[in-house]
Amino acid sequence: VRELVSHVPRIHSPSPIGFLRDHVSSNRPAVITGAFDDWPAMERWNLDYLADAMGDAKVSVNVTPDGRGDALLSTDGWTVSGLGDDEMPGEVFVQPEEREMTLREFAT
């Protein structure tokens, strides 16, 4: 029987061997903090930098009214032809519209 976890520890920048020993091999969860603190990309990579470096690359962008893709959406105020009020679910799963554009177009 697997032990239930009631607390997930936060560990700051664990060593690879320590993380493997203490968490991966024993199948115990952890929240890792500080792993990218010294990574140059954290300061260097922003939309302007990426647009300059890869501006003409095509990307697929998920477009939603509230910024949440593949999410449950409330149907309050909706009407769907062929469905009565008592048949309308309270929430529906919706997929975002996908648009293809260049990274430069996305960044602007």
C-alpha atoms as a PDB file:
ATOM      1  CA  VAL A   1       0.000   0.000   0.000  1.00  0.00           C
ATOM      2  CA  ARG A   2       1.388   3.382  -0.984  1.00  0.00           C
ATOM      3  CA  GLU A   3       1.857   5.932   1.735  1.00  0.00           C
ATOM      4  CA  LEU A   4      -0.308   9.028   1.309  1.00  0.00           C
ATOM      5  CA  VAL A   5       1.594  12.307   1.243  1.00  0.00           C
ATOM      6  CA  SER A   6       0.101  15.090   3.324  1.00  0.00           C
ATOM      7  CA  HIS A   7       3.036  17.494   2.926  1.00  0.00           C
ATOM      8  CA  VAL A   8       5.177  18.148  -0.136  1.00  0.00           C
ATOM      9  CA  PRO A   9       8.569  19.568   0.876  1.00  0.00           C
ATOM     10  CA  ARG A  10      10.116  22.564  -0.870  1.00  0.00           C
ATOM     11  CA  ILE A  11      13.775  21.960  -1.652  1.00  0.00           C
ATOM     12  CA  HIS A  12      16.145  24.669  -2.850  1.00  0.00           C
ATOM     13  CA  SER A  13      18.488  23.785  -5.735  1.00  0.00           C
ATOM     14  CA  PRO A  14      18.987  20.098  -4.916  1.00  0.00           C
ATOM     15  CA  SER A  15      21.999  18.249  -6.260  1.00  0.00           C
ATOM     16  CA  PRO A  16      21.143  15.770  -9.015  1.00  0.00           C
ATOM     17  CA  ILE A  17      22.273  12.776  -6.948  1.00  0.00           C
ATOM     18  CA  GLY A  18      20.460  13.999  -3.818  1.00  0.00           C
ATOM     19  CA  PHE A  19      17.239  14.577  -5.752  1.00  0.00           C
ATOM     20  CA  LEU A  20      17.496  11.140  -7.358  1.00  0.00           C
ATOM     21  CA  ARG A  21      18.167   9.462  -4.010  1.00  0.00           C
ATOM     22  CA  ASP A  22      15.660  11.357  -1.860  1.00  0.00           C
ATOM     23  CA  HIS A  23      12.786  11.864  -4.284  1.00  0.00           C
ATOM     24  CA  VAL A  24      12.949  10.072  -7.628  1.00  0.00           C
ATOM     25  CA  SER A  25      14.023   6.616  -6.461  1.00  0.00           C
ATOM     26  CA  SER A  26      11.657   6.703  -3.485  1.00  0.00           C
ATOM     27  CA  ASN A  27       8.807   8.137  -5.584  1.00  0.00           C
ATOM     28  CA  ARG A  28       8.323  11.123  -3.251  1.00  0.00           C
ATOM     29  CA  PRO A  29       7.132  14.493  -4.595  1.00  0.00           C
ATOM     30  CA  ALA A  30       8.933  17.776  -4.049  1.00  0.00           C
ATOM     31  CA  VAL A  31       8.646  21.391  -5.133  1.00  0.00           C
ATOM     32  CA  ILE A  32      12.022  22.527  -6.439  1.00  0.00           C
ATOM     33  CA  THR A  33      12.926  26.183  -5.903  1.00  0.00           C
ATOM     34  CA  GLY A  34      15.937  28.163  -7.067  1.00  0.00           C
ATOM     35  CA  ALA A  35      16.908  25.715  -9.802  1.00  0.00           C
ATOM     36  CA  PHE A  36      17.121  28.469 -12.438  1.00  0.00           C
ATOM     37  CA  ASP A  37      18.371  31.374 -10.336  1.00  0.00           C
ATOM     38  CA  ASP A  38      21.775  31.475 -12.080  1.00  0.00           C
ATOM     39  CA  TRP A  39      20.522  30.582 -15.553  1.00  0.00           C
ATOM     40  CA  PRO A  40      21.402  33.435 -17.961  1.00  0.00           C
ATOM     41  CA  ALA A  41      18.195  32.903 -19.934  1.00  0.00           C
ATOM     42  CA  MET A  42      16.126  34.085 -16.958  1.00  0.00           C
ATOM     43  CA  GLU A  43      17.389  37.635 -17.542  1.00  0.00           C
ATOM     44  CA  ARG A  44      18.159  37.466 -21.238  1.00  0.00           C
ATOM     45  CA  TRP A  45      15.086  35.778 -22.717  1.00  0.00           C
ATOM     46  CA  ASN A  46      12.169  38.135 -23.128  1.00  0.00           C
ATOM     47  CA  LEU A  47       9.807  38.707 -26.049  1.00  0.00           C
ATOM     48  CA  ASP A  48      12.084  41.336 -27.632  1.00  0.00           C
ATOM     49  CA  TYR A  49      15.115  39.035 -27.489  1.00  0.00           C
ATOM     50  CA  LEU A  50      13.172  36.059 -28.851  1.00  0.00           C
ATOM     51  CA  ALA A  51      11.651  38.177 -31.634  1.00  0.00           C
ATOM     52  CA  ASP A  52      15.153  39.310 -32.659  1.00  0.00           C
ATOM     53  CA  ALA A  53      16.597  35.790 -32.462  1.00  0.00           C
ATOM     54  CA  MET A  54      13.710  33.830 -33.978  1.00  0.00           C
ATOM     55  CA  GLY A  55      11.262  36.419 -35.272  1.00  0.00           C
ATOM     56  CA  ASP A  56      10.428  34.669 -38.540  1.00  0.00           C
ATOM     57  CA  ALA A  57       9.840  31.243 -36.943  1.00  0.00           C
ATOM     58  CA  LYS A  58       6.226  30.081 -37.176  1.00  0.00           C
ATOM     59  CA  VAL A  59       4.515  29.389 -33.843  1.00  0.00           C
ATOM     60  CA  SER A  60       1.101  28.053 -32.965  1.00  0.00           C
ATOM     61  CA  VAL A  61      -0.775  30.356 -30.574  1.00  0.00           C
ATOM     62  CA  ASN A  62      -3.814  29.320 -28.536  1.00  0.00           C
ATOM     63  CA  VAL A  63      -6.303  32.183 -28.441  1.00  0.00           C
ATOM     64  CA  THR A  64      -8.908  32.338 -25.667  1.00  0.00           C
ATOM     65  CA  PRO A  65     -11.028  35.138 -24.213  1.00  0.00           C
ATOM     66  CA  ASP A  66      -9.557  34.709 -20.726  1.00  0.00           C
ATOM     67  CA  GLY A  67      -6.075  33.303 -21.394  1.00  0.00           C
ATOM     68  CA  ARG A  68      -6.931  29.787 -20.251  1.00  0.00           C
ATOM     69  CA  GLY A  69      -6.786  27.115 -22.929  1.00  0.00           C
ATOM     70  CA  ASP A  70      -8.289  23.648 -22.663  1.00  0.00           C
ATOM     71  CA  ALA A  71     -10.414  24.642 -19.681  1.00  0.00           C
ATOM     72  CA  LEU A  72     -13.876  24.305 -18.219  1.00  0.00           C
ATOM     73  CA  LEU A  73     -16.016  27.302 -19.064  1.00  0.00           C
ATOM     74  CA  SER A  74     -19.260  28.304 -17.389  1.00  0.00           C
ATOM     75  CA  THR A  75     -22.318  28.227 -19.641  1.00  0.00           C
ATOM     76  CA  ASP A  76     -24.210  30.901 -17.660  1.00  0.00           C
ATOM     77  CA  GLY A  77     -26.080  33.078 -20.157  1.00  0.00           C
ATOM     78  CA  TRP A  78     -25.515  30.697 -23.085  1.00  0.00           C
ATOM     79  CA  THR A  79     -28.233  29.376 -25.326  1.00  0.00           C
ATOM     80  CA  VAL A  80     -27.707  26.456 -27.654  1.00  0.00           C
ATOM     81  CA  SER A  81     -30.335  25.694 -30.274  1.00  0.00           C
ATOM     82  CA  GLY A  82     -31.921  22.308 -29.692  1.00  0.00           C
ATOM     83  CA  LEU A  83     -31.105  22.254 -25.963  1.00  0.00           C
ATOM     84  CA  GLY A  84     -33.584  23.248 -23.296  1.00  0.00           C
ATOM     85  CA  ASP A  85     -32.503  25.064 -20.120  1.00  0.00           C
ATOM     86  CA  ASP A  86     -32.723  21.816 -18.162  1.00  0.00           C
ATOM     87  CA  GLU A  87     -30.410  20.078 -20.671  1.00  0.00           C
ATOM     88  CA  MET A  88     -27.643  22.704 -20.658  1.00  0.00           C
ATOM     89  CA  PRO A  89     -24.647  21.625 -18.559  1.00  0.00           C
ATOM     90  CA  GLY A  90     -23.280  24.132 -16.042  1.00  0.00           C
ATOM     91  CA  GLU A  91     -19.801  23.908 -17.530  1.00  0.00           C
ATOM     92  CA  VAL A  92     -18.338  22.669 -20.797  1.00  0.00           C
ATOM     93  CA  PHE A  93     -14.812  21.767 -21.808  1.00  0.00           C
ATOM     94  CA  VAL A  94     -13.601  24.126 -24.523  1.00  0.00           C
ATOM     95  CA  GLN A  95     -10.543  24.087 -26.695  1.00  0.00           C
ATOM     96  CA  PRO A  96      -8.847  27.327 -27.730  1.00  0.00           C
ATOM     97  CA  GLU A  97      -8.723  28.649 -31.252  1.00  0.00           C
ATOM     98  CA  GLU A  98      -5.286  27.988 -32.741  1.00  0.00           C
ATOM     99  CA  ARG A  99      -3.627  30.599 -34.920  1.00  0.00           C
ATOM    100  CA  GLU A 100      -0.296  30.263 -36.691  1.00  0.00           C
ATOM    101  CA  MET A 101       1.884  33.352 -36.828  1.00  0.00           C
ATOM    102  CA  THR A 102       5.529  34.349 -36.649  1.00  0.00           C
ATOM    103  CA  LEU A 103       7.106  34.828 -33.250  1.00  0.00           C
ATOM    104  CA  ARG A 104       7.605  38.507 -34.145  1.00  0.00           C
ATOM    105  CA  GLU A 105       3.852  38.894 -34.805  1.00  0.00           C
ATOM    106  CA  PHE A 106       3.088  37.212 -31.479  1.00  0.00           C
ATOM    107  CA  ALA A 107       5.512  39.482 -29.608  1.00  0.00           C
ATOM    108  CA  THR A 108       3.888  42.669 -30.899  1.00  0.00           C
END
